Amino acid sequence: RKAADFLEQMEVPFEMHALSAHRTPAAVESFASGAKDRGV
């Protein structure tokens, strides 16, 4: 939350996700490989 609060203060658009390298590896792969194309 401290990171989110600071980004909010700096007016930086951000997203938050819960992903697990061990429990949701396919979701992590999809997130990471598509992050740049989403503007992250």
PDB file of all heavy atoms in Angstrom:
ATOM      1  N   ARG A   1       0.831  -1.207   0.000  1.00  0.00           N
ATOM      2  CA  ARG A   1       0.000   0.000   0.000  1.00  0.00           C
ATOM      3  C   ARG A   1       0.870   1.263   0.000  1.00  0.00           C
ATOM      4  O   ARG A   1       0.499   2.290  -0.555  1.00  0.00           O
ATOM      5  CB  ARG A   1      -0.933  -0.020   1.205  1.00  0.00           C
ATOM      6  CG  ARG A   1      -1.943   1.093   1.228  1.00  0.00           C
ATOM      7  CD  ARG A   1      -2.913   0.947   2.381  1.00  0.00           C
ATOM      8  NE  ARG A   1      -3.750  -0.220   2.300  1.00  0.00           N
ATOM      9  CZ  ARG A   1      -4.852  -0.329   1.537  1.00  0.00           C
ATOM     10  NH1 ARG A   1      -5.216   0.673   0.797  1.00  0.00           N
ATOM     11  NH2 ARG A   1      -5.562  -1.420   1.550  1.00  0.00           N
ATOM     12  N   LYS A   2       2.051   1.190   0.605  1.00  0.00           N
ATOM     13  CA  LYS A   2       2.950   2.345   0.635  1.00  0.00           C
ATOM     14  C   LYS A   2       3.386   2.733  -0.772  1.00  0.00           C
ATOM     15  O   LYS A   2       3.527   3.910  -1.085  1.00  0.00           O
ATOM     16  CB  LYS A   2       4.153   2.063   1.530  1.00  0.00           C
ATOM     17  CG  LYS A   2       3.774   1.923   2.985  1.00  0.00           C
ATOM     18  CD  LYS A   2       4.934   1.487   3.838  1.00  0.00           C
ATOM     19  CE  LYS A   2       4.458   1.242   5.257  1.00  0.00           C
ATOM     20  NZ  LYS A   2       5.449   0.556   6.074  1.00  0.00           N
ATOM     21  N   ALA A   3       3.603   1.751  -1.621  1.00  0.00           N
ATOM     22  CA  ALA A   3       3.945   2.037  -3.017  1.00  0.00           C
ATOM     23  C   ALA A   3       2.746   2.671  -3.727  1.00  0.00           C
ATOM     24  O   ALA A   3       2.895   3.671  -4.440  1.00  0.00           O
ATOM     25  CB  ALA A   3       4.370   0.756  -3.739  1.00  0.00           C
ATOM     26  N   ALA A   4       1.582   2.095  -3.531  1.00  0.00           N
ATOM     27  CA  ALA A   4       0.382   2.637  -4.171  1.00  0.00           C
ATOM     28  C   ALA A   4       0.106   4.069  -3.714  1.00  0.00           C
ATOM     29  O   ALA A   4      -0.221   4.942  -4.524  1.00  0.00           O
ATOM     30  CB  ALA A   4      -0.817   1.731  -3.869  1.00  0.00           C
ATOM     31  N   ASP A   5       0.261   4.316  -2.418  1.00  0.00           N
ATOM     32  CA  ASP A   5       0.019   5.661  -1.888  1.00  0.00           C
ATOM     33  C   ASP A   5       0.972   6.677  -2.510  1.00  0.00           C
ATOM     34  O   ASP A   5       0.576   7.786  -2.851  1.00  0.00           O
ATOM     35  CB  ASP A   5       0.158   5.681  -0.363  1.00  0.00           C
ATOM     36  CG  ASP A   5      -0.954   4.928   0.347  1.00  0.00           C
ATOM     37  OD1 ASP A   5      -1.977   4.601  -0.283  1.00  0.00           O
ATOM     38  OD2 ASP A   5      -0.782   4.648   1.556  1.00  0.00           O
ATOM     39  N   PHE A   6       2.247   6.301  -2.667  1.00  0.00           N
ATOM     40  CA  PHE A   6       3.209   7.231  -3.248  1.00  0.00           C
ATOM     41  C   PHE A   6       2.912   7.472  -4.725  1.00  0.00           C
ATOM     42  O   PHE A   6       2.982   8.617  -5.198  1.00  0.00           O
ATOM     43  CB  PHE A   6       4.649   6.722  -3.070  1.00  0.00           C
ATOM     44  CG  PHE A   6       5.667   7.707  -3.564  1.00  0.00           C
ATOM     45  CD1 PHE A   6       5.950   8.846  -2.839  1.00  0.00           C
ATOM     46  CD2 PHE A   6       6.331   7.503  -4.764  1.00  0.00           C
ATOM     47  CE1 PHE A   6       6.881   9.774  -3.296  1.00  0.00           C
ATOM     48  CE2 PHE A   6       7.271   8.418  -5.228  1.00  0.00           C
ATOM     49  CZ  PHE A   6       7.538   9.554  -4.486  1.00  0.00           C
ATOM     50  N   LEU A   7       2.597   6.423  -5.468  1.00  0.00           N
ATOM     51  CA  LEU A   7       2.260   6.600  -6.879  1.00  0.00           C
ATOM     52  C   LEU A   7       1.020   7.480  -7.028  1.00  0.00           C
ATOM     53  O   LEU A   7       0.954   8.334  -7.921  1.00  0.00           O
ATOM     54  CB  LEU A   7       2.051   5.244  -7.554  1.00  0.00           C
ATOM     55  CG  LEU A   7       3.308   4.371  -7.651  1.00  0.00           C
ATOM     56  CD1 LEU A   7       2.950   2.986  -8.168  1.00  0.00           C
ATOM     57  CD2 LEU A   7       4.375   5.033  -8.520  1.00  0.00           C
ATOM     58  N   GLU A   8       0.056   7.300  -6.148  1.00  0.00           N
ATOM     59  CA  GLU A   8      -1.139   8.148  -6.144  1.00  0.00           C
ATOM     60  C   GLU A   8      -0.749   9.613  -5.899  1.00  0.00           C
ATOM     61  O   GLU A   8      -1.204  10.517  -6.591  1.00  0.00           O
ATOM     62  CB  GLU A   8      -2.108   7.659  -5.065  1.00  0.00           C
ATOM     63  CG  GLU A   8      -3.414   8.405  -5.006  1.00  0.00           C
ATOM     64  CD  GLU A   8      -4.377   8.014  -6.120  1.00  0.00           C
ATOM     65  OE1 GLU A   8      -4.194   6.978  -6.783  1.00  0.00           O
ATOM     66  OE2 GLU A   8      -5.344   8.769  -6.332  1.00  0.00           O
ATOM     67  N   GLN A   9       0.111   9.826  -4.910  1.00  0.00           N
ATOM     68  CA  GLN A   9       0.581  11.181  -4.586  1.00  0.00           C
ATOM     69  C   GLN A   9       1.297  11.819  -5.778  1.00  0.00           C
ATOM     70  O   GLN A   9       1.148  13.014  -6.032  1.00  0.00           O
ATOM     71  CB  GLN A   9       1.522  11.118  -3.383  1.00  0.00           C
ATOM     72  CG  GLN A   9       2.146  12.437  -2.978  1.00  0.00           C
ATOM     73  CD  GLN A   9       3.182  12.272  -1.873  1.00  0.00           C
ATOM     74  OE1 GLN A   9       3.246  11.263  -1.194  1.00  0.00           O
ATOM     75  NE2 GLN A   9       4.008  13.271  -1.701  1.00  0.00           N
ATOM     76  N   MET A  10       2.052  11.025  -6.516  1.00  0.00           N
ATOM     77  CA  MET A  10       2.807  11.522  -7.672  1.00  0.00           C
ATOM     78  C   MET A  10       1.964  11.563  -8.952  1.00  0.00           C
ATOM     79  O   MET A  10       2.454  11.943 -10.005  1.00  0.00           O
ATOM     80  CB  MET A  10       4.047  10.657  -7.914  1.00  0.00           C
ATOM     81  CG  MET A  10       5.107  10.768  -6.844  1.00  0.00           C
ATOM     82  SD  MET A  10       5.958  12.359  -6.853  1.00  0.00           S
ATOM     83  CE  MET A  10       5.290  13.068  -5.356  1.00  0.00           C
ATOM     84  N   GLU A  11       0.696  11.142  -8.855  1.00  0.00           N
ATOM     85  CA  GLU A  11      -0.235  11.135  -9.997  1.00  0.00           C
ATOM     86  C   GLU A  11       0.231  10.215 -11.118  1.00  0.00           C
ATOM     87  O   GLU A  11       0.115  10.525 -12.301  1.00  0.00           O
ATOM     88  CB  GLU A  11      -0.459  12.561 -10.507  1.00  0.00           C
ATOM     89  CG  GLU A  11      -1.023  13.491  -9.452  1.00  0.00           C
ATOM     90  CD  GLU A  11      -1.135  14.939  -9.920  1.00  0.00           C
ATOM     91  OE1 GLU A  11      -1.149  15.201 -11.142  1.00  0.00           O
ATOM     92  OE2 GLU A  11      -1.216  15.821  -9.032  1.00  0.00           O
ATOM     93  N   VAL A  12       0.769   9.051 -10.742  1.00  0.00           N
ATOM     94  CA  VAL A  12       1.228   8.051 -11.697  1.00  0.00           C
ATOM     95  C   VAL A  12       0.175   6.965 -11.792  1.00  0.00           C
ATOM     96  O   VAL A  12      -0.153   6.323 -10.789  1.00  0.00           O
ATOM     97  CB  VAL A  12       2.580   7.438 -11.246  1.00  0.00           C
ATOM     98  CG1 VAL A  12       2.982   6.290 -12.159  1.00  0.00           C
ATOM     99  CG2 VAL A  12       3.663   8.504 -11.194  1.00  0.00           C
ATOM    100  N   PRO A  13      -0.384   6.732 -12.985  1.00  0.00           N
ATOM    101  CA  PRO A  13      -1.371   5.652 -13.132  1.00  0.00           C
ATOM    102  C   PRO A  13      -0.726   4.298 -12.833  1.00  0.00           C
ATOM    103  O   PRO A  13       0.383   4.016 -13.281  1.00  0.00           O
ATOM    104  CB  PRO A  13      -1.777   5.729 -14.605  1.00  0.00           C
ATOM    105  CG  PRO A  13      -1.352   7.083 -15.071  1.00  0.00           C
ATOM    106  CD  PRO A  13      -0.163   7.460 -14.228  1.00  0.00           C
ATOM    107  N   PHE A  14      -1.432   3.487 -12.042  1.00  0.00           N
ATOM    108  CA  PHE A  14      -0.889   2.179 -11.685  1.00  0.00           C
ATOM    109  C   PHE A  14      -2.008   1.158 -11.593  1.00  0.00           C
ATOM    110  O   PHE A  14      -3.182   1.488 -11.477  1.00  0.00           O
ATOM    111  CB  PHE A  14      -0.103   2.240 -10.365  1.00  0.00           C
ATOM    112  CG  PHE A  14      -0.936   2.567  -9.152  1.00  0.00           C
ATOM    113  CD1 PHE A  14      -1.456   1.552  -8.357  1.00  0.00           C
ATOM    114  CD2 PHE A  14      -1.208   3.887  -8.818  1.00  0.00           C
ATOM    115  CE1 PHE A  14      -2.225   1.851  -7.243  1.00  0.00           C
ATOM    116  CE2 PHE A  14      -1.974   4.196  -7.704  1.00  0.00           C
ATOM    117  CZ  PHE A  14      -2.486   3.175  -6.908  1.00  0.00           C
ATOM    118  N   GLU A  15      -1.602  -0.093 -11.665  1.00  0.00           N
ATOM    119  CA  GLU A  15      -2.516  -1.215 -11.471  1.00  0.00           C
ATOM    120  C   GLU A  15      -1.953  -2.085 -10.371  1.00  0.00           C
ATOM    121  O   GLU A  15      -0.762  -2.007 -10.069  1.00  0.00           O
ATOM    122  CB  GLU A  15      -2.669  -2.013 -12.778  1.00  0.00           C
ATOM    123  CG  GLU A  15      -1.363  -2.628 -13.270  1.00  0.00           C
ATOM    124  CD  GLU A  15      -1.478  -3.292 -14.635  1.00  0.00           C
ATOM    125  OE1 GLU A  15      -2.419  -3.013 -15.381  1.00  0.00           O
ATOM    126  OE2 GLU A  15      -0.590  -4.116 -14.939  1.00  0.00           O
ATOM    127  N   MET A  16      -2.809  -2.887  -9.771  1.00  0.00           N
ATOM    128  CA  MET A  16      -2.379  -3.812  -8.724  1.00  0.00           C
ATOM    129  C   MET A  16      -2.954  -5.188  -9.028  1.00  0.00           C
ATOM    130  O   MET A  16      -4.128  -5.300  -9.380  1.00  0.00           O
ATOM    131  CB  MET A  16      -2.869  -3.344  -7.349  1.00  0.00           C
ATOM    132  CG  MET A  16      -2.316  -2.002  -6.930  1.00  0.00           C
ATOM    133  SD  MET A  16      -3.049  -1.399  -5.391  1.00  0.00           S
ATOM    134  CE  MET A  16      -2.055  -2.263  -4.204  1.00  0.00           C
ATOM    135  N   HIS A  17      -2.108  -6.207  -8.879  1.00  0.00           N
ATOM    136  CA  HIS A  17      -2.539  -7.588  -9.128  1.00  0.00           C
ATOM    137  C   HIS A  17      -1.944  -8.519  -8.080  1.00  0.00           C
ATOM    138  O   HIS A  17      -0.842  -8.276  -7.585  1.00  0.00           O
ATOM    139  CB  HIS A  17      -2.068  -8.077 -10.500  1.00  0.00           C
ATOM    140  CG  HIS A  17      -2.639  -7.327 -11.652  1.00  0.00           C
ATOM    141  ND1 HIS A  17      -3.908  -7.532 -12.118  1.00  0.00           N
ATOM    142  CD2 HIS A  17      -2.102  -6.346 -12.414  1.00  0.00           C
ATOM    143  CE1 HIS A  17      -4.130  -6.727 -13.147  1.00  0.00           C
ATOM    144  NE2 HIS A  17      -3.056  -5.996 -13.339  1.00  0.00           N
ATOM    145  N   ALA A  18      -2.642  -9.572  -7.786  1.00  0.00           N
ATOM    146  CA  ALA A  18      -2.104 -10.677  -6.995  1.00  0.00           C
ATOM    147  C   ALA A  18      -1.853 -11.828  -7.964  1.00  0.00           C
ATOM    148  O   ALA A  18      -2.781 -12.325  -8.602  1.00  0.00           O
ATOM    149  CB  ALA A  18      -3.086 -11.098  -5.906  1.00  0.00           C
ATOM    150  N   LEU A  19      -0.589 -12.188  -8.112  1.00  0.00           N
ATOM    151  CA  LEU A  19      -0.184 -13.281  -8.985  1.00  0.00           C
ATOM    152  C   LEU A  19       0.890 -14.077  -8.261  1.00  0.00           C
ATOM    153  O   LEU A  19       1.699 -13.506  -7.538  1.00  0.00           O
ATOM    154  CB  LEU A  19       0.401 -12.754 -10.302  1.00  0.00           C
ATOM    155  CG  LEU A  19      -0.543 -11.959 -11.200  1.00  0.00           C
ATOM    156  CD1 LEU A  19       0.243 -11.299 -12.329  1.00  0.00           C
ATOM    157  CD2 LEU A  19      -1.627 -12.864 -11.756  1.00  0.00           C
ATOM    158  N   SER A  20       0.925 -15.355  -8.482  1.00  0.00           N
ATOM    159  CA  SER A  20       1.905 -16.209  -7.824  1.00  0.00           C
ATOM    160  C   SER A  20       2.734 -16.959  -8.851  1.00  0.00           C
ATOM    161  O   SER A  20       2.186 -17.630  -9.733  1.00  0.00           O
ATOM    162  CB  SER A  20       1.189 -17.215  -6.910  1.00  0.00           C
ATOM    163  OG  SER A  20       2.099 -18.185  -6.446  1.00  0.00           O
ATOM    164  N   ALA A  21       4.058 -16.840  -8.718  1.00  0.00           N
ATOM    165  CA  ALA A  21       4.953 -17.564  -9.625  1.00  0.00           C
ATOM    166  C   ALA A  21       4.772 -19.066  -9.502  1.00  0.00           C
ATOM    167  O   ALA A  21       4.969 -19.805 -10.464  1.00  0.00           O
ATOM    168  CB  ALA A  21       6.403 -17.181  -9.332  1.00  0.00           C
ATOM    169  N   HIS A  22       4.351 -19.527  -8.317  1.00  0.00           N
ATOM    170  CA  HIS A  22       4.213 -20.960  -8.085  1.00  0.00           C
ATOM    171  C   HIS A  22       2.788 -21.460  -8.282  1.00  0.00           C
ATOM    172  O   HIS A  22       2.580 -22.577  -8.751  1.00  0.00           O
ATOM    173  CB  HIS A  22       4.675 -21.306  -6.658  1.00  0.00           C
ATOM    174  CG  HIS A  22       6.100 -20.934  -6.418  1.00  0.00           C
ATOM    175  ND1 HIS A  22       6.465 -19.886  -5.618  1.00  0.00           N
ATOM    176  CD2 HIS A  22       7.248 -21.465  -6.899  1.00  0.00           C
ATOM    177  CE1 HIS A  22       7.784 -19.783  -5.607  1.00  0.00           C
ATOM    178  NE2 HIS A  22       8.277 -20.722  -6.371  1.00  0.00           N
ATOM    179  N   ARG A  23       1.804 -20.651  -7.906  1.00  0.00           N
ATOM    180  CA  ARG A  23       0.410 -21.108  -7.962  1.00  0.00           C
ATOM    181  C   ARG A  23      -0.316 -20.725  -9.256  1.00  0.00           C
ATOM    182  O   ARG A  23      -1.276 -21.383  -9.635  1.00  0.00           O
ATOM    183  CB  ARG A  23      -0.352 -20.557  -6.763  1.00  0.00           C
ATOM    184  CG  ARG A  23       0.162 -21.101  -5.445  1.00  0.00           C
ATOM    185  CD  ARG A  23      -0.647 -20.563  -4.268  1.00  0.00           C
ATOM    186  NE  ARG A  23      -0.004 -20.942  -3.020  1.00  0.00           N
ATOM    187  CZ  ARG A  23       0.665 -20.100  -2.234  1.00  0.00           C
ATOM    188  NH1 ARG A  23       0.767 -18.830  -2.545  1.00  0.00           N
ATOM    189  NH2 ARG A  23       1.220 -20.523  -1.125  1.00  0.00           N
ATOM    190  N   THR A  24       0.132 -19.635  -9.890  1.00  0.00           N
ATOM    191  CA  THR A  24      -0.511 -19.192 -11.140  1.00  0.00           C
ATOM    192  C   THR A  24       0.554 -18.860 -12.188  1.00  0.00           C
ATOM    193  O   THR A  24       0.589 -17.748 -12.715  1.00  0.00           O
ATOM    194  CB  THR A  24      -1.421 -17.964 -10.902  1.00  0.00           C
ATOM    195  OG1 THR A  24      -0.620 -16.871 -10.412  1.00  0.00           O
ATOM    196  CG2 THR A  24      -2.556 -18.268  -9.947  1.00  0.00           C
ATOM    197  N   PRO A  25       1.427 -19.806 -12.517  1.00  0.00           N
ATOM    198  CA  PRO A  25       2.521 -19.493 -13.443  1.00  0.00           C
ATOM    199  C   PRO A  25       2.058 -19.046 -14.828  1.00  0.00           C
ATOM    200  O   PRO A  25       2.682 -18.165 -15.434  1.00  0.00           O
ATOM    201  CB  PRO A  25       3.330 -20.787 -13.508  1.00  0.00           C
ATOM    202  CG  PRO A  25       2.407 -21.855 -13.043  1.00  0.00           C
ATOM    203  CD  PRO A  25       1.462 -21.194 -12.081  1.00  0.00           C
ATOM    204  N   ALA A  26       0.982 -19.609 -15.331  1.00  0.00           N
ATOM    205  CA  ALA A  26       0.492 -19.198 -16.652  1.00  0.00           C
ATOM    206  C   ALA A  26       0.005 -17.752 -16.626  1.00  0.00           C
ATOM    207  O   ALA A  26       0.239 -16.985 -17.570  1.00  0.00           O
ATOM    208  CB  ALA A  26      -0.624 -20.138 -17.120  1.00  0.00           C
ATOM    209  N   ALA A  27      -0.657 -17.362 -15.540  1.00  0.00           N
ATOM    210  CA  ALA A  27      -1.124 -15.976 -15.406  1.00  0.00           C
ATOM    211  C   ALA A  27       0.052 -15.011 -15.292  1.00  0.00           C
ATOM    212  O   ALA A  27       0.023 -13.909 -15.850  1.00  0.00           O
ATOM    213  CB  ALA A  27      -2.045 -15.840 -14.201  1.00  0.00           C
ATOM    214  N   VAL A  28       1.103 -15.416 -14.584  1.00  0.00           N
ATOM    215  CA  VAL A  28       2.302 -14.584 -14.465  1.00  0.00           C
ATOM    216  C   VAL A  28       2.942 -14.414 -15.837  1.00  0.00           C
ATOM    217  O   VAL A  28       3.318 -13.302 -16.231  1.00  0.00           O
ATOM    218  CB  VAL A  28       3.309 -15.183 -13.451  1.00  0.00           C
ATOM    219  CG1 VAL A  28       4.647 -14.461 -13.515  1.00  0.00           C
ATOM    220  CG2 VAL A  28       2.733 -15.146 -12.055  1.00  0.00           C
ATOM    221  N   GLU A  29       3.035 -15.488 -16.584  1.00  0.00           N
ATOM    222  CA  GLU A  29       3.623 -15.416 -17.924  1.00  0.00           C
ATOM    223  C   GLU A  29       2.808 -14.498 -18.824  1.00  0.00           C
ATOM    224  O   GLU A  29       3.360 -13.645 -19.529  1.00  0.00           O
ATOM    225  CB  GLU A  29       3.727 -16.804 -18.544  1.00  0.00           C
ATOM    226  CG  GLU A  29       4.379 -16.782 -19.914  1.00  0.00           C
ATOM    227  CD  GLU A  29       4.588 -18.161 -20.505  1.00  0.00           C
ATOM    228  OE1 GLU A  29       4.162 -19.161 -19.898  1.00  0.00           O
ATOM    229  OE2 GLU A  29       5.189 -18.225 -21.587  1.00  0.00           O
ATOM    230  N   SER A  30       1.503 -14.631 -18.799  1.00  0.00           N
ATOM    231  CA  SER A  30       0.636 -13.777 -19.613  1.00  0.00           C
ATOM    232  C   SER A  30       0.763 -12.313 -19.205  1.00  0.00           C
ATOM    233  O   SER A  30       0.887 -11.425 -20.055  1.00  0.00           O
ATOM    234  CB  SER A  30      -0.817 -14.241 -19.464  1.00  0.00           C
ATOM    235  OG  SER A  30      -1.672 -13.397 -20.175  1.00  0.00           O
ATOM    236  N   PHE A  31       0.752 -12.063 -17.896  1.00  0.00           N
ATOM    237  CA  PHE A  31       0.895 -10.696 -17.405  1.00  0.00           C
ATOM    238  C   PHE A  31       2.218 -10.102 -17.870  1.00  0.00           C
ATOM    239  O   PHE A  31       2.270  -9.012 -18.438  1.00  0.00           O
ATOM    240  CB  PHE A  31       0.830 -10.656 -15.869  1.00  0.00           C
ATOM    241  CG  PHE A  31       1.453  -9.409 -15.312  1.00  0.00           C
ATOM    242  CD1 PHE A  31       0.750  -8.221 -15.319  1.00  0.00           C
ATOM    243  CD2 PHE A  31       2.763  -9.422 -14.851  1.00  0.00           C
ATOM    244  CE1 PHE A  31       1.352  -7.055 -14.865  1.00  0.00           C
ATOM    245  CE2 PHE A  31       3.361  -8.270 -14.392  1.00  0.00           C
ATOM    246  CZ  PHE A  31       2.648  -7.083 -14.396  1.00  0.00           C
ATOM    247  N   ALA A  32       3.324 -10.788 -17.588  1.00  0.00           N
ATOM    248  CA  ALA A  32       4.656 -10.242 -17.856  1.00  0.00           C
ATOM    249  C   ALA A  32       4.902 -10.049 -19.345  1.00  0.00           C
ATOM    250  O   ALA A  32       5.436  -9.018 -19.764  1.00  0.00           O
ATOM    251  CB  ALA A  32       5.725 -11.138 -17.250  1.00  0.00           C
ATOM    252  N   SER A  33       4.517 -11.007 -20.146  1.00  0.00           N
ATOM    253  CA  SER A  33       4.784 -10.902 -21.584  1.00  0.00           C
ATOM    254  C   SER A  33       3.916  -9.839 -22.250  1.00  0.00           C
ATOM    255  O   SER A  33       4.291  -9.302 -23.290  1.00  0.00           O
ATOM    256  CB  SER A  33       4.612 -12.261 -22.270  1.00  0.00           C
ATOM    257  OG  SER A  33       3.284 -12.716 -22.132  1.00  0.00           O
ATOM    258  N   GLY A  34       2.783  -9.496 -21.654  1.00  0.00           N
ATOM    259  CA  GLY A  34       1.905  -8.484 -22.241  1.00  0.00           C
ATOM    260  C   GLY A  34       1.980  -7.115 -21.593  1.00  0.00           C
ATOM    261  O   GLY A  34       1.329  -6.172 -22.044  1.00  0.00           O
ATOM    262  N   ALA A  35       2.785  -6.957 -20.552  1.00  0.00           N
ATOM    263  CA  ALA A  35       2.816  -5.699 -19.793  1.00  0.00           C
ATOM    264  C   ALA A  35       3.225  -4.507 -20.661  1.00  0.00           C
ATOM    265  O   ALA A  35       2.586  -3.453 -20.624  1.00  0.00           O
ATOM    266  CB  ALA A  35       3.744  -5.827 -18.588  1.00  0.00           C
ATOM    267  N   LYS A  36       4.271  -4.646 -21.432  1.00  0.00           N
ATOM    268  CA  LYS A  36       4.752  -3.537 -22.259  1.00  0.00           C
ATOM    269  C   LYS A  36       3.687  -3.095 -23.258  1.00  0.00           C
ATOM    270  O   LYS A  36       3.457  -1.896 -23.444  1.00  0.00           O
ATOM    271  CB  LYS A  36       6.041  -3.938 -22.980  1.00  0.00           C
ATOM    272  CG  LYS A  36       6.671  -2.798 -23.744  1.00  0.00           C
ATOM    273  CD  LYS A  36       7.989  -3.205 -24.356  1.00  0.00           C
ATOM    274  CE  LYS A  36       8.571  -2.044 -25.140  1.00  0.00           C
ATOM    275  NZ  LYS A  36       9.805  -2.430 -25.821  1.00  0.00           N
ATOM    276  N   ASP A  37       3.016  -4.046 -23.886  1.00  0.00           N
ATOM    277  CA  ASP A  37       1.966  -3.719 -24.856  1.00  0.00           C
ATOM    278  C   ASP A  37       0.783  -3.025 -24.201  1.00  0.00           C
ATOM    279  O   ASP A  37       0.046  -2.294 -24.875  1.00  0.00           O
ATOM    280  CB  ASP A  37       1.488  -4.987 -25.581  1.00  0.00           C
ATOM    281  CG  ASP A  37       2.542  -5.555 -26.515  1.00  0.00           C
ATOM    282  OD1 ASP A  37       3.467  -4.806 -26.912  1.00  0.00           O
ATOM    283  OD2 ASP A  37       2.447  -6.753 -26.844  1.00  0.00           O
ATOM    284  N   ARG A  38       0.581  -3.225 -22.887  1.00  0.00           N
ATOM    285  CA  ARG A  38      -0.505  -2.560 -22.166  1.00  0.00           C
ATOM    286  C   ARG A  38      -0.102  -1.161 -21.692  1.00  0.00           C
ATOM    287  O   ARG A  38      -0.882  -0.474 -21.049  1.00  0.00           O
ATOM    288  CB  ARG A  38      -0.935  -3.386 -20.957  1.00  0.00           C
ATOM    289  CG  ARG A  38      -1.662  -4.669 -21.293  1.00  0.00           C
ATOM    290  CD  ARG A  38      -2.358  -5.317 -20.086  1.00  0.00           C
ATOM    291  NE  ARG A  38      -1.707  -5.122 -18.810  1.00  0.00           N
ATOM    292  CZ  ARG A  38      -0.718  -5.881 -18.321  1.00  0.00           C
ATOM    293  NH1 ARG A  38      -0.261  -6.887 -19.037  1.00  0.00           N
ATOM    294  NH2 ARG A  38      -0.203  -5.634 -17.133  1.00  0.00           N
ATOM    295  N   GLY A  39       1.144  -0.746 -21.963  1.00  0.00           N
ATOM    296  CA  GLY A  39       1.600   0.578 -21.571  1.00  0.00           C
ATOM    297  C   GLY A  39       2.342   0.637 -20.255  1.00  0.00           C
ATOM    298  O   GLY A  39       2.741   1.712 -19.812  1.00  0.00           O
ATOM    299  N   VAL A  40       2.541  -0.501 -19.623  1.00  0.00           N
ATOM    300  CA  VAL A  40       3.303  -0.532 -18.376  1.00  0.00           C
ATOM    301  C   VAL A  40       4.762  -0.217 -18.704  1.00  0.00           C
ATOM    302  O   VAL A  40       5.304  -0.697 -19.693  1.00  0.00           O
ATOM    303  CB  VAL A  40       3.182  -1.906 -17.681  1.00  0.00           C
ATOM    304  CG1 VAL A  40       4.094  -2.005 -16.477  1.00  0.00           C
ATOM    305  CG2 VAL A  40       1.726  -2.164 -17.283  1.00  0.00           C
TER     306      VAL A  40
END
